[in-house]
Amino acid sequence: MIKFNADIHRSYLGRLSTLFALAGGFIMLILATTTVASIIGRSTIGQSIVGDYEITEMGLAMAVFLFLPECYLRKGHVIVDLFTANCKPSTLRFLDTFSDVVFTIVAFVFAYRMSLSGLEAKEYLEQSMLLELPTWWTFIVGVISMILCGLCGLYKLSTTLCGGNHE
């Protein structure tokens, strides 16, 4: 039997996930700068950046979604091993594979439902209160990130089914 051991971090999906995470980090840096500037302005001249809460809310939503694929690939999600600490390696492998199946399905369902929500937000011209920014475009980042999460899940599952290492 041929063992398939492809490193997902070196694949196209892995590199794309890393770029998404870097973009999320860049957004967080911009948000931190905006928040500091708004606080300094409020403290010194009594004027903050208009809509700083809206900018922070939308930016954080996009950054969190951009971090998800890389977090999934690095197994950075919360794992409670209270019940699995003494399990056999075969049981752990089964549970990891099962969780990958569930995560992949959930990622694609989220992408589908978020795309419907984004289209609805665009149809109803939903926008933020102060800056009147359209909210539908933040859904685009979430949908693309969840599709990438689902594709990474499919890649990990295909690696596992081909006899490769479940890492």
C-alpha atoms as a PDB file:
ATOM      1  CA  MET A   1       0.000   0.000   0.000  1.00  0.00           C
ATOM      2  CA  ILE A   2       1.311   3.445  -0.921  1.00  0.00           C
ATOM      3  CA  LYS A   3       1.286   5.978   1.891  1.00  0.00           C
ATOM      4  CA  PHE A   4       0.218   9.467   0.880  1.00  0.00           C
ATOM      5  CA  ASN A   5       1.872  12.056   3.099  1.00  0.00           C
ATOM      6  CA  ALA A   6       1.380  15.466   1.563  1.00  0.00           C
ATOM      7  CA  ASP A   7       2.181  18.466   3.722  1.00  0.00           C
ATOM      8  CA  ILE A   8      -0.843  20.727   3.414  1.00  0.00           C
ATOM      9  CA  HIS A   9       1.179  23.749   4.571  1.00  0.00           C
ATOM     10  CA  ARG A  10       3.247  23.507   1.367  1.00  0.00           C
ATOM     11  CA  SER A  11       0.233  23.053  -0.873  1.00  0.00           C
ATOM     12  CA  TYR A  12      -1.678  25.804  -2.619  1.00  0.00           C
ATOM     13  CA  LEU A  13      -4.408  25.641   0.033  1.00  0.00           C
ATOM     14  CA  GLY A  14      -1.860  25.918   2.838  1.00  0.00           C
ATOM     15  CA  ARG A  15      -0.176  28.932   1.298  1.00  0.00           C
ATOM     16  CA  LEU A  16      -3.535  30.550   0.628  1.00  0.00           C
ATOM     17  CA  SER A  17      -4.545  29.946   4.258  1.00  0.00           C
ATOM     18  CA  THR A  18      -1.327  31.603   5.395  1.00  0.00           C
ATOM     19  CA  LEU A  19      -2.022  34.604   3.153  1.00  0.00           C
ATOM     20  CA  PHE A  20      -5.535  34.845   4.574  1.00  0.00           C
ATOM     21  CA  ALA A  21      -4.132  34.820   8.119  1.00  0.00           C
ATOM     22  CA  LEU A  22      -1.600  37.522   7.206  1.00  0.00           C
ATOM     23  CA  ALA A  23      -4.401  39.628   5.719  1.00  0.00           C
ATOM     24  CA  GLY A  24      -6.379  39.134   8.948  1.00  0.00           C
ATOM     25  CA  GLY A  25      -3.355  40.248  10.945  1.00  0.00           C
ATOM     26  CA  PHE A  26      -2.967  43.317   8.751  1.00  0.00           C
ATOM     27  CA  ILE A  27      -6.631  44.185   9.311  1.00  0.00           C
ATOM     28  CA  MET A  28      -6.123  43.795  13.069  1.00  0.00           C
ATOM     29  CA  LEU A  29      -3.112  46.129  12.892  1.00  0.00           C
ATOM     30  CA  ILE A  30      -5.175  48.753  11.066  1.00  0.00           C
ATOM     31  CA  LEU A  31      -7.983  48.374  13.609  1.00  0.00           C
ATOM     32  CA  ALA A  32      -5.571  48.757  16.518  1.00  0.00           C
ATOM     33  CA  THR A  33      -4.132  51.907  14.946  1.00  0.00           C
ATOM     34  CA  THR A  34      -7.621  53.298  14.334  1.00  0.00           C
ATOM     35  CA  THR A  35      -8.678  52.557  17.902  1.00  0.00           C
ATOM     36  CA  VAL A  36      -5.562  54.174  19.384  1.00  0.00           C
ATOM     37  CA  ALA A  37      -5.979  57.239  17.160  1.00  0.00           C
ATOM     38  CA  SER A  38      -9.625  57.513  18.163  1.00  0.00           C
ATOM     39  CA  ILE A  39      -8.815  57.231  21.882  1.00  0.00           C
ATOM     40  CA  ILE A  40      -6.008  59.783  21.627  1.00  0.00           C
ATOM     41  CA  GLY A  41      -8.278  62.137  19.700  1.00  0.00           C
ATOM     42  CA  ARG A  42     -11.055  61.719  22.237  1.00  0.00           C
ATOM     43  CA  SER A  43      -8.666  62.313  25.143  1.00  0.00           C
ATOM     44  CA  THR A  44      -6.742  65.270  23.728  1.00  0.00           C
ATOM     45  CA  ILE A  45      -8.994  67.269  21.424  1.00  0.00           C
ATOM     46  CA  GLY A  46     -12.368  65.811  22.375  1.00  0.00           C
ATOM     47  CA  GLN A  47     -13.001  64.388  18.918  1.00  0.00           C
ATOM     48  CA  SER A  48     -12.835  60.703  18.052  1.00  0.00           C
ATOM     49  CA  ILE A  49     -12.879  59.034  14.654  1.00  0.00           C
ATOM     50  CA  VAL A  50     -16.451  58.965  13.400  1.00  0.00           C
ATOM     51  CA  GLY A  51     -17.693  55.403  13.067  1.00  0.00           C
ATOM     52  CA  ASP A  52     -14.731  53.821  14.833  1.00  0.00           C
ATOM     53  CA  TYR A  53     -17.012  51.232  16.427  1.00  0.00           C
ATOM     54  CA  GLU A  54     -18.480  50.314  13.035  1.00  0.00           C
ATOM     55  CA  ILE A  55     -15.042  50.019  11.472  1.00  0.00           C
ATOM     56  CA  THR A  56     -13.858  47.861  14.364  1.00  0.00           C
ATOM     57  CA  GLU A  57     -16.933  45.635  14.251  1.00  0.00           C
ATOM     58  CA  MET A  58     -16.701  44.932  10.529  1.00  0.00           C
ATOM     59  CA  GLY A  59     -12.925  44.630  10.549  1.00  0.00           C
ATOM     60  CA  LEU A  60     -12.907  42.167  13.439  1.00  0.00           C
ATOM     61  CA  ALA A  61     -15.544  40.044  11.737  1.00  0.00           C
ATOM     62  CA  MET A  62     -13.437  39.866   8.583  1.00  0.00           C
ATOM     63  CA  ALA A  63     -10.204  39.195  10.516  1.00  0.00           C
ATOM     64  CA  VAL A  64     -11.737  36.330  12.497  1.00  0.00           C
ATOM     65  CA  PHE A  65     -12.968  34.657   9.324  1.00  0.00           C
ATOM     66  CA  LEU A  66      -9.582  35.153   7.672  1.00  0.00           C
ATOM     67  CA  PHE A  67      -7.856  33.418  10.605  1.00  0.00           C
ATOM     68  CA  LEU A  68     -10.113  30.331  10.542  1.00  0.00           C
ATOM     69  CA  PRO A  69      -8.473  28.316   7.714  1.00  0.00           C
ATOM     70  CA  GLU A  70      -4.965  28.642   9.162  1.00  0.00           C
ATOM     71  CA  CYS A  71      -6.238  27.884  12.651  1.00  0.00           C
ATOM     72  CA  TYR A  72      -7.897  24.725  11.328  1.00  0.00           C
ATOM     73  CA  LEU A  73      -4.766  23.577   9.525  1.00  0.00           C
ATOM     74  CA  ARG A  74      -2.595  24.103  12.596  1.00  0.00           C
ATOM     75  CA  LYS A  75      -5.153  22.389  14.858  1.00  0.00           C
ATOM     76  CA  GLY A  76      -5.473  25.606  16.796  1.00  0.00           C
ATOM     77  CA  HIS A  77      -9.095  25.098  17.779  1.00  0.00           C
ATOM     78  CA  VAL A  78     -10.022  24.231  21.332  1.00  0.00           C
ATOM     79  CA  ILE A  79      -9.669  20.526  22.059  1.00  0.00           C
ATOM     80  CA  VAL A  80     -10.955  19.054  25.287  1.00  0.00           C
ATOM     81  CA  ASP A  81      -9.094  15.806  25.802  1.00  0.00           C
ATOM     82  CA  LEU A  82     -10.638  14.894  29.122  1.00  0.00           C
ATOM     83  CA  PHE A  83     -12.296  11.809  27.625  1.00  0.00           C
ATOM     84  CA  THR A  84      -9.676  10.990  24.998  1.00  0.00           C
ATOM     85  CA  ALA A  85      -6.475  11.304  27.019  1.00  0.00           C
ATOM     86  CA  ASN A  86      -6.180   7.533  27.506  1.00  0.00           C
ATOM     87  CA  CYS A  87      -7.565   6.393  24.145  1.00  0.00           C
ATOM     88  CA  LYS A  88      -5.708   4.179  21.716  1.00  0.00           C
ATOM     89  CA  PRO A  89      -4.079   5.867  18.685  1.00  0.00           C
ATOM     90  CA  SER A  90      -6.588   4.162  16.379  1.00  0.00           C
ATOM     91  CA  THR A  91      -9.478   5.658  18.366  1.00  0.00           C
ATOM     92  CA  LEU A  92      -7.877   9.099  18.276  1.00  0.00           C
ATOM     93  CA  ARG A  93      -7.368   8.784  14.529  1.00  0.00           C
ATOM     94  CA  PHE A  94     -11.037   7.845  14.067  1.00  0.00           C
ATOM     95  CA  LEU A  95     -12.180  10.785  16.226  1.00  0.00           C
ATOM     96  CA  ASP A  96      -9.884  13.187  14.347  1.00  0.00           C
ATOM     97  CA  THR A  97     -11.202  11.967  11.014  1.00  0.00           C
ATOM     98  CA  PHE A  98     -14.799  12.173  12.217  1.00  0.00           C
ATOM     99  CA  SER A  99     -14.254  15.724  13.479  1.00  0.00           C
ATOM    100  CA  ASP A 100     -12.703  16.647  10.114  1.00  0.00           C
ATOM    101  CA  VAL A 101     -15.808  15.333   8.350  1.00  0.00           C
ATOM    102  CA  VAL A 102     -18.092  17.340  10.643  1.00  0.00           C
ATOM    103  CA  PHE A 103     -15.938  20.474  10.352  1.00  0.00           C
ATOM    104  CA  THR A 104     -15.860  20.221   6.551  1.00  0.00           C
ATOM    105  CA  ILE A 105     -19.638  19.838   6.318  1.00  0.00           C
ATOM    106  CA  VAL A 106     -20.217  22.709   8.753  1.00  0.00           C
ATOM    107  CA  ALA A 107     -17.777  24.944   6.842  1.00  0.00           C
ATOM    108  CA  PHE A 108     -19.618  24.421   3.558  1.00  0.00           C
ATOM    109  CA  VAL A 109     -23.035  24.874   5.229  1.00  0.00           C
ATOM    110  CA  PHE A 110     -21.815  28.122   6.815  1.00  0.00           C
ATOM    111  CA  ALA A 111     -20.521  29.310   3.438  1.00  0.00           C
ATOM    112  CA  TYR A 112     -23.878  28.559   1.838  1.00  0.00           C
ATOM    113  CA  ARG A 113     -25.948  30.202   4.585  1.00  0.00           C
ATOM    114  CA  MET A 114     -23.657  33.234   4.769  1.00  0.00           C
ATOM    115  CA  SER A 115     -23.910  33.716   1.018  1.00  0.00           C
ATOM    116  CA  LEU A 116     -27.702  33.778   1.342  1.00  0.00           C
ATOM    117  CA  SER A 117     -27.463  36.275   4.215  1.00  0.00           C
ATOM    118  CA  GLY A 118     -25.063  38.457   2.239  1.00  0.00           C
ATOM    119  CA  LEU A 119     -27.353  38.470  -0.786  1.00  0.00           C
ATOM    120  CA  GLU A 120     -30.275  39.391   1.448  1.00  0.00           C
ATOM    121  CA  ALA A 121     -28.278  42.214   3.057  1.00  0.00           C
ATOM    122  CA  LYS A 122     -27.433  43.517  -0.408  1.00  0.00           C
ATOM    123  CA  GLU A 123     -31.031  43.224  -1.582  1.00  0.00           C
ATOM    124  CA  TYR A 124     -32.334  45.202   1.407  1.00  0.00           C
ATOM    125  CA  LEU A 125     -29.478  47.739   1.163  1.00  0.00           C
ATOM    126  CA  GLU A 126     -28.421  47.037   4.754  1.00  0.00           C
ATOM    127  CA  GLN A 127     -25.765  49.485   5.933  1.00  0.00           C
ATOM    128  CA  SER A 128     -24.024  50.708   9.054  1.00  0.00           C
ATOM    129  CA  MET A 129     -25.598  53.561  10.945  1.00  0.00           C
ATOM    130  CA  LEU A 130     -22.983  56.330  11.017  1.00  0.00           C
ATOM    131  CA  LEU A 131     -20.765  55.712   8.011  1.00  0.00           C
ATOM    132  CA  GLU A 132     -23.516  54.104   5.942  1.00  0.00           C
ATOM    133  CA  LEU A 133     -21.138  51.351   4.828  1.00  0.00           C
ATOM    134  CA  PRO A 134     -22.871  48.460   3.075  1.00  0.00           C
ATOM    135  CA  THR A 135     -22.724  45.373   5.271  1.00  0.00           C
ATOM    136  CA  TRP A 136     -23.057  42.800   2.511  1.00  0.00           C
ATOM    137  CA  TRP A 137     -19.415  43.028   1.453  1.00  0.00           C
ATOM    138  CA  THR A 138     -18.238  41.763   4.843  1.00  0.00           C
ATOM    139  CA  PHE A 139     -20.110  38.555   4.078  1.00  0.00           C
ATOM    140  CA  ILE A 140     -17.898  38.013   1.031  1.00  0.00           C
ATOM    141  CA  VAL A 141     -14.825  37.567   3.224  1.00  0.00           C
ATOM    142  CA  GLY A 142     -16.698  35.127   5.469  1.00  0.00           C
ATOM    143  CA  VAL A 143     -18.001  33.063   2.561  1.00  0.00           C
ATOM    144  CA  ILE A 144     -14.609  32.818   0.880  1.00  0.00           C
ATOM    145  CA  SER A 145     -12.904  31.935   4.171  1.00  0.00           C
ATOM    146  CA  MET A 146     -15.451  29.224   4.967  1.00  0.00           C
ATOM    147  CA  ILE A 147     -15.087  27.766   1.477  1.00  0.00           C
ATOM    148  CA  LEU A 148     -11.331  27.659   2.026  1.00  0.00           C
ATOM    149  CA  CYS A 149     -11.896  25.950   5.392  1.00  0.00           C
ATOM    150  CA  GLY A 150     -14.073  23.359   3.680  1.00  0.00           C
ATOM    151  CA  LEU A 151     -11.496  22.782   0.946  1.00  0.00           C
ATOM    152  CA  CYS A 152      -8.763  22.354   3.562  1.00  0.00           C
ATOM    153  CA  GLY A 153     -11.004  19.843   5.320  1.00  0.00           C
ATOM    154  CA  LEU A 154     -11.481  17.923   2.069  1.00  0.00           C
ATOM    155  CA  TYR A 155      -7.729  17.941   1.521  1.00  0.00           C
ATOM    156  CA  LYS A 156      -7.072  16.564   5.006  1.00  0.00           C
ATOM    157  CA  LEU A 157      -9.762  13.920   4.524  1.00  0.00           C
ATOM    158  CA  SER A 158      -8.371  12.858   1.152  1.00  0.00           C
ATOM    159  CA  THR A 159      -4.909  12.594   2.697  1.00  0.00           C
ATOM    160  CA  THR A 160      -6.298  10.424   5.491  1.00  0.00           C
ATOM    161  CA  LEU A 161      -8.303   8.204   3.114  1.00  0.00           C
ATOM    162  CA  CYS A 162      -5.229   7.664   0.950  1.00  0.00           C
ATOM    163  CA  GLY A 163      -3.374   6.315   3.969  1.00  0.00           C
ATOM    164  CA  GLY A 164      -1.422   9.414   4.820  1.00  0.00           C
ATOM    165  CA  ASN A 165      -0.602  10.956   8.140  1.00  0.00           C
ATOM    166  CA  HIS A 166      -3.497  12.795   9.795  1.00  0.00           C
ATOM    167  CA  GLU A 167      -1.485  15.915  10.645  1.00  0.00           C
END
